[in-house]
C-alpha atoms as a PDB file:
ATOM      1  CA  MET A   1      82.741 108.111  91.230  1.00  0.00           C
ATOM      2  CA  LEU A   2      84.575 104.813  91.621  1.00  0.00           C
ATOM      3  CA  PRO A   3      82.689 101.758  92.812  1.00  0.00           C
ATOM      4  CA  ARG A   4      83.336 100.192  96.185  1.00  0.00           C
ATOM      5  CA  ILE A   5      84.457  96.575  95.901  1.00  0.00           C
ATOM      6  CA  ARG A   6      83.277  94.249  98.658  1.00  0.00           C
ATOM      7  CA  PRO A   7      82.643  90.550  99.269  1.00  0.00           C
ATOM      8  CA  GLU A   8      79.426  89.156  97.866  1.00  0.00           C
ATOM      9  CA  ARG A   9      76.616  88.736 100.411  1.00  0.00           C
ATOM     10  CA  ALA A  10      73.715  86.311 100.335  1.00  0.00           C
ATOM     11  CA  SER A  11      71.455  89.325  99.784  1.00  0.00           C
ATOM     12  CA  ASP A  12      73.305  90.047  96.491  1.00  0.00           C
ATOM     13  CA  VAL A  13      72.432  86.730  94.826  1.00  0.00           C
ATOM     14  CA  ASP A  14      69.064  87.814  93.360  1.00  0.00           C
ATOM     15  CA  ALA A  15      70.460  91.088  92.011  1.00  0.00           C
ATOM     16  CA  ILE A  16      73.425  89.281  90.449  1.00  0.00           C
ATOM     17  CA  ALA A  17      71.013  86.841  88.786  1.00  0.00           C
ATOM     18  CA  ARG A  18      68.938  89.742  87.374  1.00  0.00           C
ATOM     19  CA  ILE A  19      72.007  91.540  86.038  1.00  0.00           C
ATOM     20  CA  THR A  20      73.321  88.326  84.512  1.00  0.00           C
ATOM     21  CA  ARG A  21      69.986  87.714  82.738  1.00  0.00           C
ATOM     22  CA  LEU A  22      69.985  91.289  81.403  1.00  0.00           C
ATOM     23  CA  ALA A  23      73.607  91.090  80.267  1.00  0.00           C
ATOM     24  CA  PHE A  24      73.124  87.766  78.499  1.00  0.00           C
ATOM     25  CA  ASP A  25      69.533  88.064  77.319  1.00  0.00           C
ATOM     26  CA  GLN A  26      70.416  86.693  73.868  1.00  0.00           C
ATOM     27  CA  THR A  27      71.642  83.358  75.260  1.00  0.00           C
ATOM     28  CA  ARG A  28      69.939  80.294  76.711  1.00  0.00           C
ATOM     29  CA  GLY A  29      70.522  81.342  80.329  1.00  0.00           C
ATOM     30  CA  GLU A  30      73.533  79.106  80.789  1.00  0.00           C
ATOM     31  CA  GLU A  31      75.519  81.880  82.464  1.00  0.00           C
ATOM     32  CA  GLY A  32      73.199  82.034  85.467  1.00  0.00           C
ATOM     33  CA  GLU A  33      73.258  78.261  85.770  1.00  0.00           C
ATOM     34  CA  MET A  34      77.061  78.324  85.646  1.00  0.00           C
ATOM     35  CA  ILE A  35      77.171  80.887  88.478  1.00  0.00           C
ATOM     36  CA  ALA A  36      74.838  78.709  90.580  1.00  0.00           C
ATOM     37  CA  ARG A  37      76.986  75.614  89.940  1.00  0.00           C
ATOM     38  CA  ILE A  38      80.135  77.507  90.932  1.00  0.00           C
ATOM     39  CA  ARG A  39      78.535  78.669  94.201  1.00  0.00           C
ATOM     40  CA  ALA A  40      77.371  75.108  94.950  1.00  0.00           C
ATOM     41  CA  SER A  41      80.792  73.608  94.230  1.00  0.00           C
ATOM     42  CA  ALA A  42      82.957  72.244  97.029  1.00  0.00           C
ATOM     43  CA  ASP A  43      85.791  74.263  95.461  1.00  0.00           C
ATOM     44  CA  PHE A  44      83.927  77.597  95.739  1.00  0.00           C
ATOM     45  CA  ILE A  45      85.899  80.197  97.704  1.00  0.00           C
ATOM     46  CA  PRO A  46      83.382  82.802  98.953  1.00  0.00           C
ATOM     47  CA  GLU A  47      86.146  85.289  99.796  1.00  0.00           C
ATOM     48  CA  LEU A  48      86.947  85.537  96.074  1.00  0.00           C
ATOM     49  CA  SER A  49      83.382  86.360  95.068  1.00  0.00           C
ATOM     50  CA  LEU A  50      83.271  90.168  94.935  1.00  0.00           C
ATOM     51  CA  VAL A  51      80.734  92.779  93.863  1.00  0.00           C
ATOM     52  CA  ALA A  52      81.108  96.399  92.820  1.00  0.00           C
ATOM     53  CA  CYS A  53      78.742  98.873  94.511  1.00  0.00           C
ATOM     54  CA  TRP A  54      77.869 102.443  93.756  1.00  0.00           C
ATOM     55  CA  THR A  55      76.111 104.313  96.545  1.00  0.00           C
ATOM     56  CA  THR A  56      73.786 106.091  94.089  1.00  0.00           C
ATOM     57  CA  PHE A  57      72.813 102.915  92.216  1.00  0.00           C
ATOM     58  CA  ARG A  58      69.606 101.085  93.131  1.00  0.00           C
ATOM     59  CA  TRP A  59      68.984  97.465  92.147  1.00  0.00           C
ATOM     60  CA  ALA A  60      65.253  98.080  92.320  1.00  0.00           C
ATOM     61  CA  THR A  61      65.421 100.083  89.081  1.00  0.00           C
ATOM     62  CA  PHE A  62      65.675  96.860  87.049  1.00  0.00           C
END
């Protein structure tokens, strides 16, 4: 099954942070901080922030 690509929603932010921490657990957490700085930037373009969703995937499993 292919994922559905859609714009990021405010409700996605916590799940993205969890996935980022899991993906980069061997680092100092700078990736999550970088994502937060990008979102807070005046140059941030929300329409270009996308997420991939699978209908059978549940964030709560993390």
